Amino acid sequence: MKKSFFRSIAAAPHILWAVLFILCPLLFVLYYAFTDASGAFTISNIVELKSYAGTFGLSVCFALIATVICLIIAYPLAYFITKQGARAQSVLIMLAMLPMWMNLLIRTYSMMAILDNGGFLNKTLEALGLGTVQIIGTPGAVIFGMVYNFFPYMLLPIYSVMSKMDNRLIEAAQDLGCNAFGVLRKVILPLSRSGIISGITMVFVPSISTFYISQKLGGGTFDLIGDAIERQFMLLNNYNVGAAISLVMMILILISLAVMNKFTDDDEEGGMLV
């Protein structure tokens, strides 16, 4: 009885935090999404989202491309890091995390300084007699910004899972006649699946909701979900439509989290695919 009481007391601050900063904001979003300026119930805000279909599609497309690029780069890099010595692993992971020690705004501004028409990259190309390239204001710049800012979120979960893999399983697969591709398909991928799913979710969620990266590296030429929400709240003062857009984005995020939980709940120990 005493133990149960103390557990309740210890959990009280966490419950209060969750109610104030998670549950209450969600209820506010739901309220504004289904009411008009006078507070009357309406679904007109949801109906108005038809005009944002292209925005949702573009945001999902950019986020998916950035997530796939992060996965393609992070997966072999994580495997390479796990094959190094303990000291080298610490150094490489620290180097991968180093940009995260700076604020997102500073990192994005640094990318602008590098990729801008008069930036470091174009000045270097011009000095080499190769001319200049227009990067800022293109889809590639926005996607590059997402990859640069969120890449560690893909690398770390995959590295964490791979570093715990039992190398004896790989050796056993090789002894049984598996070539390198067979070992990758039947042993390494299944054992690292939880890290892959976690990394995909951790990159996709911030990518689909970003707005600062698209504004600075996209030059204001791309309207993503985050941009639409910020415009409704900050410029148009239309909290109702802004809340409706936020609600759809929250649903997309919850679907991503549900997919992650489905594939990682019973996946801690991993296994071999037959």
C-alpha atoms as a PDB file:
ATOM      1  CA  MET A   1       0.000   0.000   0.000  1.00  0.00           C
ATOM      2  CA  LYS A   2       2.816   2.374   0.976  1.00  0.00           C
ATOM      3  CA  LYS A   3       4.767   1.475  -2.163  1.00  0.00           C
ATOM      4  CA  SER A   4       1.720   2.134  -4.332  1.00  0.00           C
ATOM      5  CA  PHE A   5       1.181   5.519  -2.654  1.00  0.00           C
ATOM      6  CA  PHE A   6       4.792   6.612  -3.200  1.00  0.00           C
ATOM      7  CA  ARG A   7       4.625   5.471  -6.832  1.00  0.00           C
ATOM      8  CA  SER A   8       1.544   7.636  -7.342  1.00  0.00           C
ATOM      9  CA  ILE A   9       3.307  10.623  -5.754  1.00  0.00           C
ATOM     10  CA  ALA A  10       6.387  10.085  -7.942  1.00  0.00           C
ATOM     11  CA  ALA A  11       4.247   9.840 -11.084  1.00  0.00           C
ATOM     12  CA  ALA A  12       2.177  12.950 -10.292  1.00  0.00           C
ATOM     13  CA  PRO A  13       4.598  15.519 -11.837  1.00  0.00           C
ATOM     14  CA  HIS A  14       4.847  13.470 -15.047  1.00  0.00           C
ATOM     15  CA  ILE A  15       1.069  13.121 -15.268  1.00  0.00           C
ATOM     16  CA  LEU A  16       0.608  16.860 -14.680  1.00  0.00           C
ATOM     17  CA  TRP A  17       3.219  17.640 -17.347  1.00  0.00           C
ATOM     18  CA  ALA A  18       1.517  15.305 -19.850  1.00  0.00           C
ATOM     19  CA  VAL A  19      -1.904  16.840 -19.162  1.00  0.00           C
ATOM     20  CA  LEU A  20      -0.721  20.464 -19.410  1.00  0.00           C
ATOM     21  CA  PHE A  21       1.626  20.190 -22.377  1.00  0.00           C
ATOM     22  CA  ILE A  22       0.305  17.203 -24.357  1.00  0.00           C
ATOM     23  CA  LEU A  23      -3.376  16.565 -23.662  1.00  0.00           C
ATOM     24  CA  CYS A  24      -4.521  20.191 -23.297  1.00  0.00           C
ATOM     25  CA  PRO A  25      -2.867  21.396 -26.550  1.00  0.00           C
ATOM     26  CA  LEU A  26      -4.445  18.446 -28.390  1.00  0.00           C
ATOM     27  CA  LEU A  27      -7.874  19.374 -27.020  1.00  0.00           C
ATOM     28  CA  PHE A  28      -7.343  23.014 -28.078  1.00  0.00           C
ATOM     29  CA  VAL A  29      -6.453  21.882 -31.610  1.00  0.00           C
ATOM     30  CA  LEU A  30      -9.579  19.716 -31.781  1.00  0.00           C
ATOM     31  CA  TYR A  31     -11.745  22.562 -30.485  1.00  0.00           C
ATOM     32  CA  TYR A  32     -10.501  25.160 -32.955  1.00  0.00           C
ATOM     33  CA  ALA A  33     -10.511  22.689 -35.867  1.00  0.00           C
ATOM     34  CA  PHE A  34     -14.250  22.060 -35.496  1.00  0.00           C
ATOM     35  CA  THR A  35     -15.451  25.564 -34.581  1.00  0.00           C
ATOM     36  CA  ASP A  36     -15.675  28.891 -36.357  1.00  0.00           C
ATOM     37  CA  ALA A  37     -14.623  32.351 -35.156  1.00  0.00           C
ATOM     38  CA  SER A  38     -17.756  32.624 -33.010  1.00  0.00           C
ATOM     39  CA  GLY A  39     -17.161  29.227 -31.359  1.00  0.00           C
ATOM     40  CA  ALA A  40     -20.014  27.442 -33.179  1.00  0.00           C
ATOM     41  CA  PHE A  41     -19.491  23.882 -34.379  1.00  0.00           C
ATOM     42  CA  THR A  42     -18.582  23.558 -38.062  1.00  0.00           C
ATOM     43  CA  ILE A  43     -16.771  21.258 -40.453  1.00  0.00           C
ATOM     44  CA  SER A  44     -16.005  24.048 -42.912  1.00  0.00           C
ATOM     45  CA  ASN A  45     -12.385  24.157 -41.691  1.00  0.00           C
ATOM     46  CA  ILE A  46     -11.969  20.489 -42.614  1.00  0.00           C
ATOM     47  CA  VAL A  47     -13.677  21.026 -45.987  1.00  0.00           C
ATOM     48  CA  GLU A  48     -11.338  23.951 -46.699  1.00  0.00           C
ATOM     49  CA  LEU A  49      -8.384  21.556 -46.477  1.00  0.00           C
ATOM     50  CA  LYS A  50      -9.166  20.435 -50.038  1.00  0.00           C
ATOM     51  CA  SER A  51      -7.299  23.504 -51.226  1.00  0.00           C
ATOM     52  CA  TYR A  52      -4.212  22.281 -49.333  1.00  0.00           C
ATOM     53  CA  ALA A  53      -4.069  18.876 -51.010  1.00  0.00           C
ATOM     54  CA  GLY A  54      -1.023  19.918 -53.034  1.00  0.00           C
ATOM     55  CA  THR A  55       0.685  21.223 -49.895  1.00  0.00           C
ATOM     56  CA  PHE A  56       0.139  17.922 -48.082  1.00  0.00           C
ATOM     57  CA  GLY A  57       1.320  15.957 -51.115  1.00  0.00           C
ATOM     58  CA  LEU A  58       4.466  18.048 -51.548  1.00  0.00           C
ATOM     59  CA  SER A  59       5.291  17.844 -47.825  1.00  0.00           C
ATOM     60  CA  VAL A  60       4.896  14.058 -47.779  1.00  0.00           C
ATOM     61  CA  CYS A  61       6.953  13.747 -50.978  1.00  0.00           C
ATOM     62  CA  PHE A  62       9.834  15.880 -49.667  1.00  0.00           C
ATOM     63  CA  ALA A  63       9.793  14.097 -46.308  1.00  0.00           C
ATOM     64  CA  LEU A  64       9.828  10.654 -47.940  1.00  0.00           C
ATOM     65  CA  ILE A  65      12.711  11.556 -50.255  1.00  0.00           C
ATOM     66  CA  ALA A  66      14.737  13.003 -47.353  1.00  0.00           C
ATOM     67  CA  THR A  67      14.002   9.910 -45.239  1.00  0.00           C
ATOM     68  CA  VAL A  68      15.066   7.513 -47.998  1.00  0.00           C
ATOM     69  CA  ILE A  69      18.296   9.448 -48.609  1.00  0.00           C
ATOM     70  CA  CYS A  70      19.083   9.427 -44.886  1.00  0.00           C
ATOM     71  CA  LEU A  71      18.468   5.663 -44.757  1.00  0.00           C
ATOM     72  CA  ILE A  72      20.634   4.938 -47.805  1.00  0.00           C
ATOM     73  CA  ILE A  73      23.533   6.915 -46.307  1.00  0.00           C
ATOM     74  CA  ALA A  74      23.075   6.000 -42.637  1.00  0.00           C
ATOM     75  CA  TYR A  75      22.673   2.228 -42.959  1.00  0.00           C
ATOM     76  CA  PRO A  76      26.083   1.365 -44.482  1.00  0.00           C
ATOM     77  CA  LEU A  77      27.726   4.100 -42.389  1.00  0.00           C
ATOM     78  CA  ALA A  78      26.287   2.623 -39.179  1.00  0.00           C
ATOM     79  CA  TYR A  79      27.512  -0.828 -40.174  1.00  0.00           C
ATOM     80  CA  PHE A  80      30.962   0.567 -40.969  1.00  0.00           C
ATOM     81  CA  ILE A  81      31.137   2.295 -37.568  1.00  0.00           C
ATOM     82  CA  THR A  82      30.217  -0.904 -35.697  1.00  0.00           C
ATOM     83  CA  LYS A  83      33.198  -2.662 -37.314  1.00  0.00           C
ATOM     84  CA  GLN A  84      35.664  -0.158 -35.871  1.00  0.00           C
ATOM     85  CA  GLY A  85      37.310  -0.260 -32.464  1.00  0.00           C
ATOM     86  CA  ALA A  86      35.560   1.150 -29.413  1.00  0.00           C
ATOM     87  CA  ARG A  87      37.601   4.377 -29.460  1.00  0.00           C
ATOM     88  CA  ALA A  88      37.058   4.928 -33.185  1.00  0.00           C
ATOM     89  CA  GLN A  89      33.323   4.290 -32.770  1.00  0.00           C
ATOM     90  CA  SER A  90      33.098   6.979 -30.082  1.00  0.00           C
ATOM     91  CA  VAL A  91      34.956   9.482 -32.262  1.00  0.00           C
ATOM     92  CA  LEU A  92      32.839   8.773 -35.367  1.00  0.00           C
ATOM     93  CA  ILE A  93      29.558   9.002 -33.463  1.00  0.00           C
ATOM     94  CA  MET A  94      30.709  12.238 -31.859  1.00  0.00           C
ATOM     95  CA  LEU A  95      31.522  13.672 -35.307  1.00  0.00           C
ATOM     96  CA  ALA A  96      28.072  12.654 -36.556  1.00  0.00           C
ATOM     97  CA  MET A  97      26.469  14.341 -33.543  1.00  0.00           C
ATOM     98  CA  LEU A  98      28.643  17.465 -33.651  1.00  0.00           C
ATOM     99  CA  PRO A  99      26.245  19.541 -35.830  1.00  0.00           C
ATOM    100  CA  MET A 100      23.425  18.774 -33.363  1.00  0.00           C
ATOM    101  CA  TRP A 101      25.268  20.789 -30.719  1.00  0.00           C
ATOM    102  CA  MET A 102      24.198  23.890 -32.662  1.00  0.00           C
ATOM    103  CA  ASN A 103      20.674  25.221 -32.947  1.00  0.00           C
ATOM    104  CA  LEU A 104      18.637  24.266 -36.034  1.00  0.00           C
ATOM    105  CA  LEU A 105      18.438  27.924 -37.072  1.00  0.00           C
ATOM    106  CA  ILE A 106      22.223  28.318 -36.984  1.00  0.00           C
ATOM    107  CA  ARG A 107      22.726  25.122 -38.983  1.00  0.00           C
ATOM    108  CA  THR A 108      20.222  26.254 -41.595  1.00  0.00           C
ATOM    109  CA  TYR A 109      21.802  29.707 -41.877  1.00  0.00           C
ATOM    110  CA  SER A 110      25.195  28.058 -42.332  1.00  0.00           C
ATOM    111  CA  MET A 111      23.758  26.043 -45.234  1.00  0.00           C
ATOM    112  CA  MET A 112      22.447  29.274 -46.757  1.00  0.00           C
ATOM    113  CA  ALA A 113      25.933  30.779 -46.515  1.00  0.00           C
ATOM    114  CA  ILE A 114      27.364  27.750 -48.319  1.00  0.00           C
ATOM    115  CA  LEU A 115      24.670  27.208 -50.984  1.00  0.00           C
ATOM    116  CA  ASP A 116      23.645  30.803 -51.775  1.00  0.00           C
ATOM    117  CA  ASN A 117      24.446  32.335 -55.160  1.00  0.00           C
ATOM    118  CA  GLY A 118      27.323  34.251 -53.606  1.00  0.00           C
ATOM    119  CA  GLY A 119      28.106  31.534 -51.093  1.00  0.00           C
ATOM    120  CA  PHE A 120      31.157  29.375 -50.526  1.00  0.00           C
ATOM    121  CA  LEU A 121      30.168  26.649 -53.002  1.00  0.00           C
ATOM    122  CA  ASN A 122      29.468  28.968 -55.920  1.00  0.00           C
ATOM    123  CA  LYS A 123      32.583  31.031 -55.223  1.00  0.00           C
ATOM    124  CA  THR A 124      34.658  27.855 -55.307  1.00  0.00           C
ATOM    125  CA  LEU A 125      33.055  26.723 -58.568  1.00  0.00           C
ATOM    126  CA  GLU A 126      33.590  30.162 -60.070  1.00  0.00           C
ATOM    127  CA  ALA A 127      37.244  30.162 -59.026  1.00  0.00           C
ATOM    128  CA  LEU A 128      37.637  26.804 -60.778  1.00  0.00           C
ATOM    129  CA  GLY A 129      36.069  28.251 -63.938  1.00  0.00           C
ATOM    130  CA  LEU A 130      32.961  26.048 -63.683  1.00  0.00           C
ATOM    131  CA  GLY A 131      30.448  28.852 -63.401  1.00  0.00           C
ATOM    132  CA  THR A 132      27.739  29.037 -60.756  1.00  0.00           C
ATOM    133  CA  VAL A 133      24.673  26.952 -59.982  1.00  0.00           C
ATOM    134  CA  GLN A 134      21.301  27.995 -58.602  1.00  0.00           C
ATOM    135  CA  ILE A 135      20.668  25.913 -55.488  1.00  0.00           C
ATOM    136  CA  ILE A 136      18.695  28.083 -53.057  1.00  0.00           C
ATOM    137  CA  GLY A 137      15.022  28.058 -54.031  1.00  0.00           C
ATOM    138  CA  THR A 138      15.080  24.557 -55.524  1.00  0.00           C
ATOM    139  CA  PRO A 139      13.544  21.300 -54.210  1.00  0.00           C
ATOM    140  CA  GLY A 140      17.059  19.886 -53.900  1.00  0.00           C
ATOM    141  CA  ALA A 141      18.050  22.612 -51.445  1.00  0.00           C
ATOM    142  CA  VAL A 142      15.043  21.929 -49.205  1.00  0.00           C
ATOM    143  CA  ILE A 143      15.596  18.171 -49.252  1.00  0.00           C
ATOM    144  CA  PHE A 144      19.327  18.656 -48.635  1.00  0.00           C
ATOM    145  CA  GLY A 145      18.490  20.835 -45.622  1.00  0.00           C
ATOM    146  CA  MET A 146      16.208  18.117 -44.230  1.00  0.00           C
ATOM    147  CA  VAL A 147      18.860  15.436 -44.742  1.00  0.00           C
ATOM    148  CA  TYR A 148      21.590  17.578 -43.194  1.00  0.00           C
ATOM    149  CA  ASN A 149      19.542  18.529 -40.127  1.00  0.00           C
ATOM    150  CA  PHE A 150      17.878  15.179 -39.410  1.00  0.00           C
ATOM    151  CA  PHE A 151      20.506  12.661 -40.543  1.00  0.00           C
ATOM    152  CA  PRO A 152      21.756  11.865 -36.988  1.00  0.00           C
ATOM    153  CA  TYR A 153      18.200  10.812 -36.076  1.00  0.00           C
ATOM    154  CA  MET A 154      18.533   8.027 -38.642  1.00  0.00           C
ATOM    155  CA  LEU A 155      22.118   7.074 -37.898  1.00  0.00           C
ATOM    156  CA  LEU A 156      21.919   6.715 -34.115  1.00  0.00           C
ATOM    157  CA  PRO A 157      19.001   4.227 -33.833  1.00  0.00           C
ATOM    158  CA  ILE A 158      20.487   2.010 -36.555  1.00  0.00           C
ATOM    159  CA  TYR A 159      23.955   2.165 -35.001  1.00  0.00           C
ATOM    160  CA  SER A 160      22.510   1.396 -31.562  1.00  0.00           C
ATOM    161  CA  VAL A 161      20.816  -1.767 -32.842  1.00  0.00           C
ATOM    162  CA  MET A 162      23.724  -2.893 -35.014  1.00  0.00           C
ATOM    163  CA  SER A 163      26.237  -2.477 -32.196  1.00  0.00           C
ATOM    164  CA  LYS A 164      24.277  -5.057 -30.187  1.00  0.00           C
ATOM    165  CA  MET A 165      24.140  -7.661 -32.947  1.00  0.00           C
ATOM    166  CA  ASP A 166      25.668 -11.066 -32.192  1.00  0.00           C
ATOM    167  CA  ASN A 167      28.448 -11.555 -34.747  1.00  0.00           C
ATOM    168  CA  ARG A 168      28.169 -15.321 -34.250  1.00  0.00           C
ATOM    169  CA  LEU A 169      24.927 -15.257 -36.228  1.00  0.00           C
ATOM    170  CA  ILE A 170      26.733 -13.652 -39.168  1.00  0.00           C
ATOM    171  CA  GLU A 171      29.527 -16.224 -38.909  1.00  0.00           C
ATOM    172  CA  ALA A 172      26.963 -19.039 -38.750  1.00  0.00           C
ATOM    173  CA  ALA A 173      25.215 -17.760 -41.885  1.00  0.00           C
ATOM    174  CA  GLN A 174      28.550 -17.604 -43.723  1.00  0.00           C
ATOM    175  CA  ASP A 175      29.411 -21.153 -42.587  1.00  0.00           C
ATOM    176  CA  LEU A 176      26.061 -22.337 -43.944  1.00  0.00           C
ATOM    177  CA  GLY A 177      26.881 -20.955 -47.383  1.00  0.00           C
ATOM    178  CA  CYS A 178      25.387 -17.444 -47.387  1.00  0.00           C
ATOM    179  CA  ASN A 179      27.181 -14.943 -49.575  1.00  0.00           C
ATOM    180  CA  ALA A 180      27.485 -11.278 -48.552  1.00  0.00           C
ATOM    181  CA  PHE A 181      24.061 -10.406 -49.968  1.00  0.00           C
ATOM    182  CA  GLY A 182      22.482 -13.413 -48.249  1.00  0.00           C
ATOM    183  CA  VAL A 183      23.971 -12.423 -44.896  1.00  0.00           C
ATOM    184  CA  LEU A 184      22.644  -8.890 -45.360  1.00  0.00           C
ATOM    185  CA  ARG A 185      19.148 -10.074 -46.355  1.00  0.00           C
ATOM    186  CA  LYS A 186      18.697 -12.927 -43.881  1.00  0.00           C
ATOM    187  CA  VAL A 187      20.663 -11.785 -40.828  1.00  0.00           C
ATOM    188  CA  ILE A 188      21.684  -8.113 -40.711  1.00  0.00           C
ATOM    189  CA  LEU A 189      18.446  -6.575 -42.026  1.00  0.00           C
ATOM    190  CA  PRO A 190      16.121  -8.586 -39.733  1.00  0.00           C
ATOM    191  CA  LEU A 191      18.292  -7.885 -36.696  1.00  0.00           C
ATOM    192  CA  SER A 192      18.429  -4.156 -37.440  1.00  0.00           C
ATOM    193  CA  ARG A 193      14.793  -3.737 -38.476  1.00  0.00           C
ATOM    194  CA  SER A 194      13.743  -2.023 -35.241  1.00  0.00           C
ATOM    195  CA  GLY A 195      16.517   0.554 -35.666  1.00  0.00           C
ATOM    196  CA  ILE A 196      15.495   1.159 -39.277  1.00  0.00           C
ATOM    197  CA  ILE A 197      11.842   1.728 -38.351  1.00  0.00           C
ATOM    198  CA  SER A 198      12.802   4.015 -35.460  1.00  0.00           C
ATOM    199  CA  GLY A 199      15.152   6.007 -37.691  1.00  0.00           C
ATOM    200  CA  ILE A 200      12.561   6.344 -40.460  1.00  0.00           C
ATOM    201  CA  THR A 201       9.991   7.658 -37.993  1.00  0.00           C
ATOM    202  CA  MET A 202      12.434  10.038 -36.299  1.00  0.00           C
ATOM    203  CA  VAL A 203      13.400  11.575 -39.656  1.00  0.00           C
ATOM    204  CA  PHE A 204      10.001  11.538 -41.357  1.00  0.00           C
ATOM    205  CA  VAL A 205       8.109  13.240 -38.513  1.00  0.00           C
ATOM    206  CA  PRO A 206      10.273  16.400 -38.249  1.00  0.00           C
ATOM    207  CA  SER A 207      10.734  16.508 -42.032  1.00  0.00           C
ATOM    208  CA  ILE A 208       7.013  16.595 -42.741  1.00  0.00           C
ATOM    209  CA  SER A 209       6.383  19.284 -40.120  1.00  0.00           C
ATOM    210  CA  THR A 210       9.352  21.565 -40.843  1.00  0.00           C
ATOM    211  CA  PHE A 211       8.844  25.127 -42.002  1.00  0.00           C
ATOM    212  CA  TYR A 212      12.071  27.027 -41.318  1.00  0.00           C
ATOM    213  CA  ILE A 213      14.162  24.890 -43.666  1.00  0.00           C
ATOM    214  CA  SER A 214      11.697  25.343 -46.527  1.00  0.00           C
ATOM    215  CA  GLN A 215      11.501  29.097 -45.944  1.00  0.00           C
ATOM    216  CA  LYS A 216      15.258  29.698 -45.900  1.00  0.00           C
ATOM    217  CA  LEU A 217      16.621  27.085 -48.294  1.00  0.00           C
ATOM    218  CA  GLY A 218      13.491  27.033 -50.448  1.00  0.00           C
ATOM    219  CA  GLY A 219      13.540  30.788 -50.828  1.00  0.00           C
ATOM    220  CA  GLY A 220       9.820  30.970 -50.053  1.00  0.00           C
ATOM    221  CA  THR A 221       8.929  29.163 -53.293  1.00  0.00           C
ATOM    222  CA  PHE A 222       7.613  26.018 -51.587  1.00  0.00           C
ATOM    223  CA  ASP A 223       4.566  25.862 -49.362  1.00  0.00           C
ATOM    224  CA  LEU A 224       4.808  22.915 -46.974  1.00  0.00           C
ATOM    225  CA  ILE A 225       2.488  21.924 -44.140  1.00  0.00           C
ATOM    226  CA  GLY A 226       4.563  23.762 -41.542  1.00  0.00           C
ATOM    227  CA  ASP A 227       4.538  26.917 -43.680  1.00  0.00           C
ATOM    228  CA  ALA A 228       0.749  26.754 -44.086  1.00  0.00           C
ATOM    229  CA  ILE A 229       0.217  26.346 -40.335  1.00  0.00           C
ATOM    230  CA  GLU A 230       2.573  29.212 -39.480  1.00  0.00           C
ATOM    231  CA  ARG A 231       0.878  31.479 -42.024  1.00  0.00           C
ATOM    232  CA  GLN A 232      -2.599  30.752 -40.649  1.00  0.00           C
ATOM    233  CA  PHE A 233      -1.564  31.406 -37.059  1.00  0.00           C
ATOM    234  CA  MET A 234       0.991  34.205 -37.408  1.00  0.00           C
ATOM    235  CA  LEU A 235      -0.135  36.191 -40.466  1.00  0.00           C
ATOM    236  CA  LEU A 236      -3.841  35.528 -41.059  1.00  0.00           C
ATOM    237  CA  ASN A 237      -4.821  34.976 -37.416  1.00  0.00           C
ATOM    238  CA  ASN A 238      -7.096  32.173 -38.614  1.00  0.00           C
ATOM    239  CA  TYR A 239      -6.667  29.752 -35.746  1.00  0.00           C
ATOM    240  CA  ASN A 240      -9.504  27.528 -36.937  1.00  0.00           C
ATOM    241  CA  VAL A 241      -8.057  26.602 -40.332  1.00  0.00           C
ATOM    242  CA  GLY A 242      -4.574  26.477 -38.807  1.00  0.00           C
ATOM    243  CA  ALA A 243      -5.840  24.008 -36.202  1.00  0.00           C
ATOM    244  CA  ALA A 244      -7.507  21.901 -38.906  1.00  0.00           C
ATOM    245  CA  ILE A 245      -4.225  21.663 -40.834  1.00  0.00           C
ATOM    246  CA  SER A 246      -2.418  20.846 -37.572  1.00  0.00           C
ATOM    247  CA  LEU A 247      -4.964  18.105 -36.878  1.00  0.00           C
ATOM    248  CA  VAL A 248      -4.249  16.406 -40.204  1.00  0.00           C
ATOM    249  CA  MET A 249      -0.515  16.672 -39.592  1.00  0.00           C
ATOM    250  CA  MET A 250      -0.972  15.155 -36.134  1.00  0.00           C
ATOM    251  CA  ILE A 251      -2.882  12.258 -37.680  1.00  0.00           C
ATOM    252  CA  LEU A 252      -0.020  11.659 -40.131  1.00  0.00           C
ATOM    253  CA  ILE A 253       2.452  11.685 -37.251  1.00  0.00           C
ATOM    254  CA  LEU A 254       0.313   9.309 -35.167  1.00  0.00           C
ATOM    255  CA  ILE A 255       0.106   6.915 -38.119  1.00  0.00           C
ATOM    256  CA  SER A 256       3.908   7.008 -38.389  1.00  0.00           C
ATOM    257  CA  LEU A 257       4.261   6.270 -34.674  1.00  0.00           C
ATOM    258  CA  ALA A 258       1.730   3.439 -34.903  1.00  0.00           C
ATOM    259  CA  VAL A 259       3.702   1.866 -37.749  1.00  0.00           C
ATOM    260  CA  MET A 260       6.891   2.173 -35.711  1.00  0.00           C
ATOM    261  CA  ASN A 261       5.285   0.532 -32.670  1.00  0.00           C
ATOM    262  CA  LYS A 262       3.869  -2.291 -34.779  1.00  0.00           C
ATOM    263  CA  PHE A 263       7.287  -3.233 -36.108  1.00  0.00           C
ATOM    264  CA  THR A 264       9.320  -2.660 -32.945  1.00  0.00           C
ATOM    265  CA  ASP A 265       7.173  -4.026 -30.110  1.00  0.00           C
ATOM    266  CA  ASP A 266       8.311  -7.634 -30.447  1.00  0.00           C
ATOM    267  CA  ASP A 267      11.537  -6.946 -32.266  1.00  0.00           C
ATOM    268  CA  GLU A 268      14.048  -6.299 -29.499  1.00  0.00           C
ATOM    269  CA  GLU A 269      16.022  -9.512 -29.809  1.00  0.00           C
ATOM    270  CA  GLY A 270      15.789  -9.775 -33.573  1.00  0.00           C
ATOM    271  CA  GLY A 271      16.119 -12.995 -35.500  1.00  0.00           C
ATOM    272  CA  MET A 272      16.954 -14.593 -38.807  1.00  0.00           C
ATOM    273  CA  LEU A 273      14.555 -14.755 -41.725  1.00  0.00           C
ATOM    274  CA  VAL A 274      14.185 -18.177 -43.299  1.00  0.00           C
END
